[in-house]
Amino acid sequence: MKDCIFCKIISGEISSNFEYEDENMVIIKDINPQAKIHLLLIPKKHFSNLMSLTEEETKIISLCLNKLSHIYLDLGLEKGFRIVCNSGVDARQSVYHLHIHILGGEVLSDKMG
């Protein structure tokens, strides 16, 4: 998508430091952190949100989450983390390129929203 900020980050049009990158995703730091560690897992393929995924696209997200289960220590998340994926207007999704927030590095609040 030509106007998508995350597509521009993935393509290098907008500079960003990748905490991790592979063939399916990049992980970057959130510019407005809500926890000591707040990262964004962004699939390289543009999907609007979870509600629009095809079965094939769901497999890509599964691969991304599986990779997270192998690299979380390298990301400083050894004591655990929370993942959040806002999908749609009511969830306050602000960028319509599916992305998963990864929060950790400290004891998180009990409040989930």
PDB file of N, CA and C in Angstrom:
ATOM      1  N   MET A   1       0.846  -1.181   0.000  1.00  0.00           N
ATOM      2  CA  MET A   1       0.000   0.000   0.000  1.00  0.00           C
ATOM      3  C   MET A   1       0.889   1.240   0.000  1.00  0.00           C
ATOM      4  N   LYS A   2       0.668   2.127  -0.890  1.00  0.00           N
ATOM      5  CA  LYS A   2       1.590   3.241  -1.058  1.00  0.00           C
ATOM      6  C   LYS A   2       1.526   4.275   0.057  1.00  0.00           C
ATOM      7  N   ASP A   3       0.394   4.395   0.761  1.00  0.00           N
ATOM      8  CA  ASP A   3       0.276   5.397   1.820  1.00  0.00           C
ATOM      9  C   ASP A   3       0.441   4.815   3.224  1.00  0.00           C
ATOM     10  N   CYS A   4       0.781   3.553   3.335  1.00  0.00           N
ATOM     11  CA  CYS A   4       0.882   2.878   4.635  1.00  0.00           C
ATOM     12  C   CYS A   4       2.254   3.128   5.263  1.00  0.00           C
ATOM     13  N   ILE A   5       2.251   3.680   6.457  1.00  0.00           N
ATOM     14  CA  ILE A   5       3.515   3.989   7.144  1.00  0.00           C
ATOM     15  C   ILE A   5       4.335   2.724   7.405  1.00  0.00           C
ATOM     16  N   PHE A   6       3.684   1.615   7.756  1.00  0.00           N
ATOM     17  CA  PHE A   6       4.424   0.390   8.023  1.00  0.00           C
ATOM     18  C   PHE A   6       4.999  -0.199   6.740  1.00  0.00           C
ATOM     19  N   CYS A   7       4.280  -0.104   5.631  1.00  0.00           N
ATOM     20  CA  CYS A   7       4.835  -0.558   4.351  1.00  0.00           C
ATOM     21  C   CYS A   7       6.058   0.279   3.988  1.00  0.00           C
ATOM     22  N   LYS A   8       6.017   1.569   4.291  1.00  0.00           N
ATOM     23  CA  LYS A   8       7.154   2.446   4.002  1.00  0.00           C
ATOM     24  C   LYS A   8       8.345   2.110   4.892  1.00  0.00           C
ATOM     25  N   ILE A   9       8.093   1.740   6.141  1.00  0.00           N
ATOM     26  CA  ILE A   9       9.177   1.317   7.035  1.00  0.00           C
ATOM     27  C   ILE A   9       9.794   0.014   6.528  1.00  0.00           C
ATOM     28  N   ILE A  10       8.956  -0.932   6.153  1.00  0.00           N
ATOM     29  CA  ILE A  10       9.444  -2.229   5.672  1.00  0.00           C
ATOM     30  C   ILE A  10      10.263  -2.070   4.395  1.00  0.00           C
ATOM     31  N   SER A  11       9.836  -1.191   3.505  1.00  0.00           N
ATOM     32  CA  SER A  11      10.539  -0.997   2.232  1.00  0.00           C
ATOM     33  C   SER A  11      11.806  -0.159   2.372  1.00  0.00           C
ATOM     34  N   GLY A  12      11.977   0.505   3.526  1.00  0.00           N
ATOM     35  CA  GLY A  12      13.139   1.362   3.727  1.00  0.00           C
ATOM     36  C   GLY A  12      12.902   2.807   3.329  1.00  0.00           C
ATOM     37  N   GLU A  13      11.714   3.090   2.823  1.00  0.00           N
ATOM     38  CA  GLU A  13      11.371   4.464   2.451  1.00  0.00           C
ATOM     39  C   GLU A  13      11.385   5.388   3.679  1.00  0.00           C
ATOM     40  N   ILE A  14      10.981   4.846   4.817  1.00  0.00           N
ATOM     41  CA  ILE A  14      11.087   5.535   6.105  1.00  0.00           C
ATOM     42  C   ILE A  14      12.105   4.757   6.924  1.00  0.00           C
ATOM     43  N   SER A  15      13.103   5.447   7.433  1.00  0.00           N
ATOM     44  CA  SER A  15      14.169   4.808   8.196  1.00  0.00           C
ATOM     45  C   SER A  15      13.668   4.351   9.568  1.00  0.00           C
ATOM     46  N   SER A  16      14.074   3.154   9.952  1.00  0.00           N
ATOM     47  CA  SER A  16      13.741   2.614  11.264  1.00  0.00           C
ATOM     48  C   SER A  16      14.780   1.563  11.630  1.00  0.00           C
ATOM     49  N   ASN A  17      15.052   1.438  12.910  1.00  0.00           N
ATOM     50  CA  ASN A  17      15.958   0.395  13.386  1.00  0.00           C
ATOM     51  C   ASN A  17      15.145  -0.854  13.688  1.00  0.00           C
ATOM     52  N   PHE A  18      15.465  -1.936  13.000  1.00  0.00           N
ATOM     53  CA  PHE A  18      14.769  -3.189  13.238  1.00  0.00           C
ATOM     54  C   PHE A  18      15.420  -3.907  14.416  1.00  0.00           C
ATOM     55  N   GLU A  19      14.597  -4.283  15.377  1.00  0.00           N
ATOM     56  CA  GLU A  19      15.065  -5.112  16.481  1.00  0.00           C
ATOM     57  C   GLU A  19      15.212  -6.552  16.006  1.00  0.00           C
ATOM     58  N   TYR A  20      14.425  -6.895  14.980  1.00  0.00           N
ATOM     59  CA  TYR A  20      14.470  -8.228  14.380  1.00  0.00           C
ATOM     60  C   TYR A  20      13.878  -8.121  12.970  1.00  0.00           C
ATOM     61  N   GLU A  21      14.376  -8.964  12.071  1.00  0.00           N
ATOM     62  CA  GLU A  21      13.813  -9.041  10.726  1.00  0.00           C
ATOM     63  C   GLU A  21      14.028 -10.439  10.174  1.00  0.00           C
ATOM     64  N   ASP A  22      13.010 -10.950   9.489  1.00  0.00           N
ATOM     65  CA  ASP A  22      13.142 -12.173   8.709  1.00  0.00           C
ATOM     66  C   ASP A  22      12.267 -12.039   7.469  1.00  0.00           C
ATOM     67  N   GLU A  23      12.034 -13.137   6.762  1.00  0.00           N
ATOM     68  CA  GLU A  23      11.289 -13.068   5.504  1.00  0.00           C
ATOM     69  C   GLU A  23       9.823 -12.705   5.678  1.00  0.00           C
ATOM     70  N   ASN A  24       9.278 -12.878   6.892  1.00  0.00           N
ATOM     71  CA  ASN A  24       7.856 -12.628   7.126  1.00  0.00           C
ATOM     72  C   ASN A  24       7.532 -11.357   7.896  1.00  0.00           C
ATOM     73  N   MET A  25       8.502 -10.826   8.658  1.00  0.00           N
ATOM     74  CA  MET A  25       8.158  -9.730   9.562  1.00  0.00           C
ATOM     75  C   MET A  25       9.365  -8.888   9.925  1.00  0.00           C
ATOM     76  N   VAL A  26       9.054  -7.742  10.509  1.00  0.00           N
ATOM     77  CA  VAL A  26      10.045  -6.926  11.200  1.00  0.00           C
ATOM     78  C   VAL A  26       9.496  -6.657  12.593  1.00  0.00           C
ATOM     79  N   ILE A  27      10.404  -6.381  13.526  1.00  0.00           N
ATOM     80  CA  ILE A  27      10.020  -5.933  14.858  1.00  0.00           C
ATOM     81  C   ILE A  27      10.752  -4.632  15.117  1.00  0.00           C
ATOM     82  N   ILE A  28       9.990  -3.605  15.477  1.00  0.00           N
ATOM     83  CA  ILE A  28      10.549  -2.285  15.771  1.00  0.00           C
ATOM     84  C   ILE A  28      10.068  -1.830  17.133  1.00  0.00           C
ATOM     85  N   LYS A  29      10.729  -0.797  17.685  1.00  0.00           N
ATOM     86  CA  LYS A  29      10.263  -0.184  18.924  1.00  0.00           C
ATOM     87  C   LYS A  29       9.084   0.720  18.617  1.00  0.00           C
ATOM     88  N   ASP A  30       8.094   0.714  19.500  1.00  0.00           N
ATOM     89  CA  ASP A  30       6.951   1.611  19.368  1.00  0.00           C
ATOM     90  C   ASP A  30       7.402   3.034  19.687  1.00  0.00           C
ATOM     91  N   ILE A  31       6.927   4.012  18.913  1.00  0.00           N
ATOM     92  CA  ILE A  31       7.353   5.398  19.145  1.00  0.00           C
ATOM     93  C   ILE A  31       6.627   6.034  20.333  1.00  0.00           C
ATOM     94  N   ASN A  32       5.588   5.379  20.847  1.00  0.00           N
ATOM     95  CA  ASN A  32       4.853   5.867  22.008  1.00  0.00           C
ATOM     96  C   ASN A  32       4.720   4.719  23.012  1.00  0.00           C
ATOM     97  N   PRO A  33       5.837   4.346  23.658  1.00  0.00           N
ATOM     98  CA  PRO A  33       5.826   3.132  24.488  1.00  0.00           C
ATOM     99  C   PRO A  33       4.866   3.211  25.671  1.00  0.00           C
ATOM    100  N   GLN A  34       4.184   2.092  25.885  1.00  0.00           N
ATOM    101  CA  GLN A  34       3.250   1.943  26.998  1.00  0.00           C
ATOM    102  C   GLN A  34       3.788   0.998  28.071  1.00  0.00           C
ATOM    103  N   ALA A  35       5.019   0.553  27.904  1.00  0.00           N
ATOM    104  CA  ALA A  35       5.690  -0.314  28.877  1.00  0.00           C
ATOM    105  C   ALA A  35       7.195  -0.106  28.699  1.00  0.00           C
ATOM    106  N   LYS A  36       7.961  -0.627  29.660  1.00  0.00           N
ATOM    107  CA  LYS A  36       9.418  -0.493  29.567  1.00  0.00           C
ATOM    108  C   LYS A  36       9.919  -0.999  28.215  1.00  0.00           C
ATOM    109  N   ILE A  37       9.418  -2.135  27.784  1.00  0.00           N
ATOM    110  CA  ILE A  37       9.688  -2.636  26.439  1.00  0.00           C
ATOM    111  C   ILE A  37       8.357  -2.659  25.703  1.00  0.00           C
ATOM    112  N   HIS A  38       8.285  -1.938  24.599  1.00  0.00           N
ATOM    113  CA  HIS A  38       7.075  -1.907  23.775  1.00  0.00           C
ATOM    114  C   HIS A  38       7.517  -1.983  22.325  1.00  0.00           C
ATOM    115  N   LEU A  39       7.303  -3.146  21.744  1.00  0.00           N
ATOM    116  CA  LEU A  39       7.714  -3.424  20.378  1.00  0.00           C
ATOM    117  C   LEU A  39       6.489  -3.644  19.496  1.00  0.00           C
ATOM    118  N   LEU A  40       6.690  -3.497  18.201  1.00  0.00           N
ATOM    119  CA  LEU A  40       5.645  -3.793  17.230  1.00  0.00           C
ATOM    120  C   LEU A  40       6.142  -4.892  16.301  1.00  0.00           C
ATOM    121  N   LEU A  41       5.408  -5.976  16.233  1.00  0.00           N
ATOM    122  CA  LEU A  41       5.651  -7.038  15.279  1.00  0.00           C
ATOM    123  C   LEU A  41       4.803  -6.703  14.064  1.00  0.00           C
ATOM    124  N   ILE A  42       5.460  -6.480  12.918  1.00  0.00           N
ATOM    125  CA  ILE A  42       4.757  -6.045  11.714  1.00  0.00           C
ATOM    126  C   ILE A  42       5.022  -7.033  10.580  1.00  0.00           C
ATOM    127  N   PRO A  43       3.978  -7.722  10.117  1.00  0.00           N
ATOM    128  CA  PRO A  43       4.174  -8.605   8.970  1.00  0.00           C
ATOM    129  C   PRO A  43       4.613  -7.797   7.746  1.00  0.00           C
ATOM    130  N   LYS A  44       5.490  -8.376   6.937  1.00  0.00           N
ATOM    131  CA  LYS A  44       5.935  -7.686   5.730  1.00  0.00           C
ATOM    132  C   LYS A  44       4.826  -7.585   4.687  1.00  0.00           C
ATOM    133  N   LYS A  45       3.946  -8.571   4.665  1.00  0.00           N
ATOM    134  CA  LYS A  45       2.806  -8.509   3.753  1.00  0.00           C
ATOM    135  C   LYS A  45       1.734  -7.628   4.401  1.00  0.00           C
ATOM    136  N   HIS A  46       1.135  -6.768   3.610  1.00  0.00           N
ATOM    137  CA  HIS A  46       0.121  -5.850   4.126  1.00  0.00           C
ATOM    138  C   HIS A  46      -1.211  -6.579   4.308  1.00  0.00           C
ATOM    139  N   PHE A  47      -1.678  -6.629   5.539  1.00  0.00           N
ATOM    140  CA  PHE A  47      -3.026  -7.092   5.884  1.00  0.00           C
ATOM    141  C   PHE A  47      -3.658  -5.948   6.663  1.00  0.00           C
ATOM    142  N   SER A  48      -4.927  -5.653   6.441  1.00  0.00           N
ATOM    143  CA  SER A  48      -5.560  -4.545   7.162  1.00  0.00           C
ATOM    144  C   SER A  48      -5.676  -4.834   8.657  1.00  0.00           C
ATOM    145  N   ASN A  49      -6.193  -5.998   9.003  1.00  0.00           N
ATOM    146  CA  ASN A  49      -6.353  -6.368  10.413  1.00  0.00           C
ATOM    147  C   ASN A  49      -6.716  -7.848  10.508  1.00  0.00           C
ATOM    148  N   LEU A  50      -6.869  -8.320  11.714  1.00  0.00           N
ATOM    149  CA  LEU A  50      -7.166  -9.746  11.921  1.00  0.00           C
ATOM    150  C   LEU A  50      -8.484 -10.171  11.298  1.00  0.00           C
ATOM    151  N   MET A  51      -9.423  -9.246  11.206  1.00  0.00           N
ATOM    152  CA  MET A  51     -10.752  -9.591  10.710  1.00  0.00           C
ATOM    153  C   MET A  51     -10.778  -9.847   9.208  1.00  0.00           C
ATOM    154  N   SER A  52      -9.710  -9.476   8.505  1.00  0.00           N
ATOM    155  CA  SER A  52      -9.704  -9.606   7.043  1.00  0.00           C
ATOM    156  C   SER A  52      -8.778 -10.707   6.533  1.00  0.00           C
ATOM    157  N   LEU A  53      -8.206 -11.507   7.426  1.00  0.00           N
ATOM    158  CA  LEU A  53      -7.223 -12.508   7.013  1.00  0.00           C
ATOM    159  C   LEU A  53      -7.847 -13.689   6.284  1.00  0.00           C
ATOM    160  N   THR A  54      -7.151 -14.124   5.245  1.00  0.00           N
ATOM    161  CA  THR A  54      -7.509 -15.379   4.593  1.00  0.00           C
ATOM    162  C   THR A  54      -6.816 -16.512   5.353  1.00  0.00           C
ATOM    163  N   GLU A  55      -7.131 -17.739   4.989  1.00  0.00           N
ATOM    164  CA  GLU A  55      -6.482 -18.888   5.631  1.00  0.00           C
ATOM    165  C   GLU A  55      -4.973 -18.866   5.380  1.00  0.00           C
ATOM    166  N   GLU A  56      -4.550 -18.537   4.169  1.00  0.00           N
ATOM    167  CA  GLU A  56      -3.119 -18.466   3.843  1.00  0.00           C
ATOM    168  C   GLU A  56      -2.433 -17.358   4.646  1.00  0.00           C
ATOM    169  N   GLU A  57      -3.076 -16.222   4.781  1.00  0.00           N
ATOM    170  CA  GLU A  57      -2.497 -15.108   5.534  1.00  0.00           C
ATOM    171  C   GLU A  57      -2.392 -15.443   7.015  1.00  0.00           C
ATOM    172  N   THR A  58      -3.344 -16.210   7.521  1.00  0.00           N
ATOM    173  CA  THR A  58      -3.300 -16.652   8.913  1.00  0.00           C
ATOM    174  C   THR A  58      -2.052 -17.500   9.161  1.00  0.00           C
ATOM    175  N   LYS A  59      -1.632 -18.258   8.176  1.00  0.00           N
ATOM    176  CA  LYS A  59      -0.423 -19.073   8.309  1.00  0.00           C
ATOM    177  C   LYS A  59       0.815 -18.192   8.477  1.00  0.00           C
ATOM    178  N   ILE A  60       0.850 -17.055   7.798  1.00  0.00           N
ATOM    179  CA  ILE A  60       1.984 -16.134   7.942  1.00  0.00           C
ATOM    180  C   ILE A  60       2.025 -15.566   9.356  1.00  0.00           C
ATOM    181  N   ILE A  61       0.867 -15.177   9.873  1.00  0.00           N
ATOM    182  CA  ILE A  61       0.810 -14.650  11.247  1.00  0.00           C
ATOM    183  C   ILE A  61       1.238 -15.727  12.233  1.00  0.00           C
ATOM    184  N   SER A  62       0.834 -16.955  11.980  1.00  0.00           N
ATOM    185  CA  SER A  62       1.242 -18.065  12.840  1.00  0.00           C
ATOM    186  C   SER A  62       2.762 -18.231  12.844  1.00  0.00           C
ATOM    187  N   LEU A  63       3.384 -18.113  11.675  1.00  0.00           N
ATOM    188  CA  LEU A  63       4.845 -18.208  11.589  1.00  0.00           C
ATOM    189  C   LEU A  63       5.508 -17.074  12.378  1.00  0.00           C
ATOM    190  N   CYS A  64       4.939 -15.883  12.298  1.00  0.00           N
ATOM    191  CA  CYS A  64       5.490 -14.735  13.030  1.00  0.00           C
ATOM    192  C   CYS A  64       5.415 -14.972  14.544  1.00  0.00           C
ATOM    193  N   LEU A  65       4.270 -15.445  15.013  1.00  0.00           N
ATOM    194  CA  LEU A  65       4.122 -15.697  16.449  1.00  0.00           C
ATOM    195  C   LEU A  65       5.017 -16.839  16.905  1.00  0.00           C
ATOM    196  N   ASN A  66       5.165 -17.848  16.071  1.00  0.00           N
ATOM    197  CA  ASN A  66       6.062 -18.939  16.414  1.00  0.00           C
ATOM    198  C   ASN A  66       7.496 -18.439  16.530  1.00  0.00           C
ATOM    199  N   LYS A  67       7.913 -17.567  15.623  1.00  0.00           N
ATOM    200  CA  LYS A  67       9.266 -17.009  15.687  1.00  0.00           C
ATOM    201  C   LYS A  67       9.435 -16.198  16.967  1.00  0.00           C
ATOM    202  N   LEU A  68       8.416 -15.444  17.353  1.00  0.00           N
ATOM    203  CA  LEU A  68       8.474 -14.677  18.598  1.00  0.00           C
ATOM    204  C   LEU A  68       8.748 -15.598  19.780  1.00  0.00           C
ATOM    205  N   SER A  69       8.162 -16.792  19.757  1.00  0.00           N
ATOM    206  CA  SER A  69       8.380 -17.743  20.855  1.00  0.00           C
ATOM    207  C   SER A  69       9.832 -18.218  20.924  1.00  0.00           C
ATOM    208  N   HIS A  70      10.596 -18.005  19.864  1.00  0.00           N
ATOM    209  CA  HIS A  70      12.008 -18.403  19.835  1.00  0.00           C
ATOM    210  C   HIS A  70      12.975 -17.245  20.078  1.00  0.00           C
ATOM    211  N   ILE A  71      12.517 -16.000  19.904  1.00  0.00           N
ATOM    212  CA  ILE A  71      13.423 -14.849  20.014  1.00  0.00           C
ATOM    213  C   ILE A  71      13.111 -13.929  21.189  1.00  0.00           C
ATOM    214  N   TYR A  72      12.094 -14.251  21.986  1.00  0.00           N
ATOM    215  CA  TYR A  72      11.692 -13.342  23.061  1.00  0.00           C
ATOM    216  C   TYR A  72      12.825 -13.071  24.048  1.00  0.00           C
ATOM    217  N   LEU A  73      13.702 -14.020  24.272  1.00  0.00           N
ATOM    218  CA  LEU A  73      14.837 -13.778  25.181  1.00  0.00           C
ATOM    219  C   LEU A  73      15.772 -12.713  24.608  1.00  0.00           C
ATOM    220  N   ASP A  74      16.014 -12.777  23.309  1.00  0.00           N
ATOM    221  CA  ASP A  74      16.878 -11.791  22.655  1.00  0.00           C
ATOM    222  C   ASP A  74      16.269 -10.392  22.709  1.00  0.00           C
ATOM    223  N   LEU A  75      14.968 -10.305  22.878  1.00  0.00           N
ATOM    224  CA  LEU A  75      14.272  -9.020  22.933  1.00  0.00           C
ATOM    225  C   LEU A  75      14.172  -8.481  24.363  1.00  0.00           C
ATOM    226  N   GLY A  76      14.741  -9.198  25.334  1.00  0.00           N
ATOM    227  CA  GLY A  76      14.721  -8.751  26.727  1.00  0.00           C
ATOM    228  C   GLY A  76      13.433  -9.071  27.459  1.00  0.00           C
ATOM    229  N   LEU A  77      12.725 -10.091  27.000  1.00  0.00           N
ATOM    230  CA  LEU A  77      11.405 -10.404  27.542  1.00  0.00           C
ATOM    231  C   LEU A  77      11.389 -11.719  28.313  1.00  0.00           C
ATOM    232  N   GLU A  78      12.506 -12.013  29.003  1.00  0.00           N
ATOM    233  CA  GLU A  78      12.658 -13.316  29.654  1.00  0.00           C
ATOM    234  C   GLU A  78      11.627 -13.598  30.740  1.00  0.00           C
ATOM    235  N   LYS A  79      11.048 -12.565  31.348  1.00  0.00           N
ATOM    236  CA  LYS A  79      10.069 -12.797  32.419  1.00  0.00           C
ATOM    237  C   LYS A  79       8.633 -12.797  31.915  1.00  0.00           C
ATOM    238  N   GLY A  80       8.460 -12.661  30.615  1.00  0.00           N
ATOM    239  CA  GLY A  80       7.118 -12.710  30.037  1.00  0.00           C
ATOM    240  C   GLY A  80       6.765 -11.435  29.291  1.00  0.00           C
ATOM    241  N   PHE A  81       5.659 -11.497  28.580  1.00  0.00           N
ATOM    242  CA  PHE A  81       5.213 -10.356  27.790  1.00  0.00           C
ATOM    243  C   PHE A  81       3.728 -10.501  27.484  1.00  0.00           C
ATOM    244  N   ARG A  82       3.152  -9.409  27.058  1.00  0.00           N
ATOM    245  CA  ARG A  82       1.751  -9.371  26.641  1.00  0.00           C
ATOM    246  C   ARG A  82       1.738  -8.991  25.168  1.00  0.00           C
ATOM    247  N   ILE A  83       0.847  -9.626  24.407  1.00  0.00           N
ATOM    248  CA  ILE A  83       0.660  -9.207  23.025  1.00  0.00           C
ATOM    249  C   ILE A  83      -0.758  -8.664  22.863  1.00  0.00           C
ATOM    250  N   VAL A  84      -0.861  -7.611  22.051  1.00  0.00           N
ATOM    251  CA  VAL A  84      -2.140  -6.946  21.807  1.00  0.00           C
ATOM    252  C   VAL A  84      -2.226  -6.673  20.313  1.00  0.00           C
ATOM    253  N   CYS A  85      -3.370  -6.953  19.741  1.00  0.00           N
ATOM    254  CA  CYS A  85      -3.596  -6.662  18.329  1.00  0.00           C
ATOM    255  C   CYS A  85      -4.937  -5.955  18.196  1.00  0.00           C
ATOM    256  N   ASN A  86      -4.895  -4.661  17.960  1.00  0.00           N
ATOM    257  CA  ASN A  86      -6.119  -3.873  17.794  1.00  0.00           C
ATOM    258  C   ASN A  86      -6.671  -4.113  16.392  1.00  0.00           C
ATOM    259  N   SER A  87      -7.948  -4.458  16.316  1.00  0.00           N
ATOM    260  CA  SER A  87      -8.581  -4.738  15.018  1.00  0.00           C
ATOM    261  C   SER A  87      -9.893  -3.993  14.908  1.00  0.00           C
ATOM    262  N   GLY A  88      -9.897  -2.941  14.119  1.00  0.00           N
ATOM    263  CA  GLY A  88     -11.113  -2.188  13.860  1.00  0.00           C
ATOM    264  C   GLY A  88     -11.269  -0.934  14.698  1.00  0.00           C
ATOM    265  N   VAL A  89     -12.299  -0.201  14.372  1.00  0.00           N
ATOM    266  CA  VAL A  89     -12.557   1.108  14.970  1.00  0.00           C
ATOM    267  C   VAL A  89     -12.765   1.020  16.482  1.00  0.00           C
ATOM    268  N   ASP A  90     -13.600   0.098  16.943  1.00  0.00           N
ATOM    269  CA  ASP A  90     -13.874   0.005  18.380  1.00  0.00           C
ATOM    270  C   ASP A  90     -12.635  -0.344  19.188  1.00  0.00           C
ATOM    271  N   ALA A  91     -11.690  -1.020  18.576  1.00  0.00           N
ATOM    272  CA  ALA A  91     -10.442  -1.367  19.255  1.00  0.00           C
ATOM    273  C   ALA A  91      -9.423  -0.229  19.176  1.00  0.00           C
ATOM    274  N   ARG A  92      -9.786   0.840  18.485  1.00  0.00           N
ATOM    275  CA  ARG A  92      -8.944   2.029  18.309  1.00  0.00           C
ATOM    276  C   ARG A  92      -7.710   1.730  17.456  1.00  0.00           C
ATOM    277  N   GLN A  93      -7.899   0.870  16.447  1.00  0.00           N
ATOM    278  CA  GLN A  93      -6.816   0.627  15.511  1.00  0.00           C
ATOM    279  C   GLN A  93      -6.531   1.928  14.773  1.00  0.00           C
ATOM    280  N   SER A  94      -5.272   2.359  14.788  1.00  0.00           N
ATOM    281  CA  SER A  94      -4.927   3.643  14.167  1.00  0.00           C
ATOM    282  C   SER A  94      -4.146   3.491  12.871  1.00  0.00           C
ATOM    283  N   VAL A  95      -3.472   2.360  12.686  1.00  0.00           N
ATOM    284  CA  VAL A  95      -2.758   2.088  11.441  1.00  0.00           C
ATOM    285  C   VAL A  95      -3.351   0.802  10.871  1.00  0.00           C
ATOM    286  N   TYR A  96      -3.876   0.879   9.665  1.00  0.00           N
ATOM    287  CA  TYR A  96      -4.548  -0.272   9.076  1.00  0.00           C
ATOM    288  C   TYR A  96      -3.592  -1.155   8.271  1.00  0.00           C
ATOM    289  N   HIS A  97      -2.520  -1.542   8.954  1.00  0.00           N
ATOM    290  CA  HIS A  97      -1.597  -2.601   8.536  1.00  0.00           C
ATOM    291  C   HIS A  97      -1.469  -3.443   9.802  1.00  0.00           C
ATOM    292  N   LEU A  98      -1.968  -4.659   9.765  1.00  0.00           N
ATOM    293  CA  LEU A  98      -1.961  -5.502  10.949  1.00  0.00           C
ATOM    294  C   LEU A  98      -0.602  -5.442  11.625  1.00  0.00           C
ATOM    295  N   HIS A  99      -0.617  -5.203  12.924  1.00  0.00           N
ATOM    296  CA  HIS A  99       0.610  -5.216  13.723  1.00  0.00           C
ATOM    297  C   HIS A  99       0.256  -5.666  15.122  1.00  0.00           C
ATOM    298  N   ILE A 100       1.215  -6.255  15.766  1.00  0.00           N
ATOM    299  CA  ILE A 100       1.003  -6.815  17.107  1.00  0.00           C
ATOM    300  C   ILE A 100       1.922  -6.095  18.074  1.00  0.00           C
ATOM    301  N   HIS A 101       1.320  -5.514  19.103  1.00  0.00           N
ATOM    302  CA  HIS A 101       2.089  -4.857  20.151  1.00  0.00           C
ATOM    303  C   HIS A 101       2.631  -5.929  21.091  1.00  0.00           C
ATOM    304  N   ILE A 102       3.898  -5.805  21.450  1.00  0.00           N
ATOM    305  CA  ILE A 102       4.544  -6.708  22.400  1.00  0.00           C
ATOM    306  C   ILE A 102       4.995  -5.842  23.567  1.00  0.00           C
ATOM    307  N   LEU A 103       4.431  -6.088  24.740  1.00  0.00           N
ATOM    308  CA  LEU A 103       4.727  -5.269  25.920  1.00  0.00           C
ATOM    309  C   LEU A 103       5.341  -6.123  27.006  1.00  0.00           C
ATOM    310  N   GLY A 104       6.388  -5.597  27.646  1.00  0.00           N
ATOM    311  CA  GLY A 104       7.033  -6.341  28.722  1.00  0.00           C
ATOM    312  C   GLY A 104       8.181  -5.560  29.319  1.00  0.00           C
ATOM    313  N   GLY A 105       9.088  -6.291  29.920  1.00  0.00           N
ATOM    314  CA  GLY A 105      10.250  -5.681  30.550  1.00  0.00           C
ATOM    315  C   GLY A 105       9.991  -5.172  31.950  1.00  0.00           C
ATOM    316  N   GLU A 106       8.775  -5.386  32.428  1.00  0.00           N
ATOM    317  CA  GLU A 106       8.367  -4.961  33.766  1.00  0.00           C
ATOM    318  C   GLU A 106       7.057  -5.681  34.102  1.00  0.00           C
ATOM    319  N   VAL A 107       6.651  -5.583  35.355  1.00  0.00           N
ATOM    320  CA  VAL A 107       5.351  -6.136  35.738  1.00  0.00           C
ATOM    321  C   VAL A 107       4.274  -5.212  35.149  1.00  0.00           C
ATOM    322  N   LEU A 108       3.404  -5.776  34.321  1.00  0.00           N
ATOM    323  CA  LEU A 108       2.356  -4.987  33.676  1.00  0.00           C
ATOM    324  C   LEU A 108       1.128  -4.882  34.582  1.00  0.00           C
ATOM    325  N   SER A 109       0.343  -3.871  34.352  1.00  0.00           N
ATOM    326  CA  SER A 109      -0.872  -3.696  35.164  1.00  0.00           C
ATOM    327  C   SER A 109      -1.880  -4.799  34.862  1.00  0.00           C
ATOM    328  N   ASP A 110      -2.817  -4.965  35.768  1.00  0.00           N
ATOM    329  CA  ASP A 110      -3.898  -5.934  35.553  1.00  0.00           C
ATOM    330  C   ASP A 110      -4.883  -5.426  34.516  1.00  0.00           C
ATOM    331  N   LYS A 111      -4.913  -4.116  34.312  1.00  0.00           N
ATOM    332  CA  LYS A 111      -5.856  -3.517  33.372  1.00  0.00           C
ATOM    333  C   LYS A 111      -5.487  -3.929  31.955  1.00  0.00           C
ATOM    334  N   MET A 112      -6.446  -4.420  31.214  1.00  0.00           N
ATOM    335  CA  MET A 112      -6.173  -4.915  29.862  1.00  0.00           C
ATOM    336  C   MET A 112      -6.585  -3.919  28.789  1.00  0.00           C
ATOM    337  N   GLY A 113      -7.152  -2.808  29.103  1.00  0.00           N
ATOM    338  CA  GLY A 113      -7.571  -1.889  28.049  1.00  0.00           C
ATOM    339  C   GLY A 113      -7.761  -0.499  28.535  1.00  0.00           C
TER     340      GLY A 113
END
